Protein backbone atom coordinates (compact mmCIF):
# COMPACT_ATOMS: atom_id res chain seq x y z
CA MET A 1 26.04 -8.77 30.71
CA SER A 2 29.50 -10.87 32.08
CA ALA A 3 28.55 -9.33 35.92
CA VAL A 4 25.12 -10.11 35.96
CA ALA A 5 25.77 -13.52 34.78
CA LEU A 6 28.21 -14.05 37.74
CA LEU A 7 25.74 -12.78 39.77
CA CYS A 8 23.22 -15.64 38.74
CA ALA A 9 25.83 -17.68 39.23
CA VAL A 10 26.68 -17.01 42.82
CA GLY A 11 22.79 -17.31 43.35
CA PHE A 12 22.68 -20.21 41.87
CA GLY A 13 24.86 -21.84 43.40
CA GLY A 14 24.16 -20.67 47.01
CA PHE A 15 20.99 -22.22 46.57
CA THR A 16 22.14 -25.26 45.47
CA LEU A 17 24.35 -25.52 48.51
CA ALA A 18 21.20 -24.13 50.83
CA ASP A 19 19.04 -26.70 48.78
CA PRO A 20 20.67 -30.30 48.37
CA SER A 21 17.15 -31.72 46.75
CA VAL A 22 17.90 -29.87 44.10
CA GLY A 23 21.25 -32.14 42.63
CA THR A 24 23.33 -31.84 39.57
CA MET A 25 20.70 -29.78 37.88
CA GLY A 26 21.63 -26.84 39.89
CA ILE A 27 25.31 -27.80 39.69
CA TYR A 28 24.24 -28.15 35.38
CA ILE A 29 22.71 -24.25 36.18
CA THR A 30 25.34 -22.88 37.97
CA PHE A 31 28.38 -23.95 35.57
CA GLY A 32 26.11 -22.76 32.93
CA PHE A 33 25.99 -19.34 34.07
CA LEU A 34 29.66 -19.24 35.02
CA LEU A 35 30.95 -20.64 31.27
CA ALA A 36 28.36 -17.39 30.16
CA ALA A 37 30.51 -15.35 32.43
CA PHE A 38 33.95 -15.98 31.60
CA ALA A 39 33.87 -17.71 28.22
CA PRO A 40 33.10 -14.53 26.35
CA LYS A 41 35.88 -12.58 27.56
CA ALA A 42 38.54 -15.85 27.02
CA LEU A 43 37.40 -15.83 23.49
CA GLN A 44 37.80 -12.20 22.65
CA LYS A 45 41.37 -12.84 24.03
CA PHE A 46 42.30 -15.16 20.99
CA ALA A 47 39.83 -13.68 18.44
CA GLU A 48 41.42 -9.94 18.72
CA GLU A 49 44.31 -8.87 16.48
CA ALA A 50 47.45 -8.11 17.74
CA ILE A 51 47.98 -4.47 16.04
CA VAL A 52 51.38 -4.01 15.53
CA ALA A 53 52.77 -0.33 15.09
């Protein structure tokens, strides 16, 4: 799912750069997909307990 969100962010980012009439909404959508791609992994890193053997 993170990989799909990253590909969507790249696609929307390219579309936003190609068509300047999209404006800030394209930036918000791109940022949202980037957040969806990377935030779960970053949160998982802090949420996991360290197992001490």
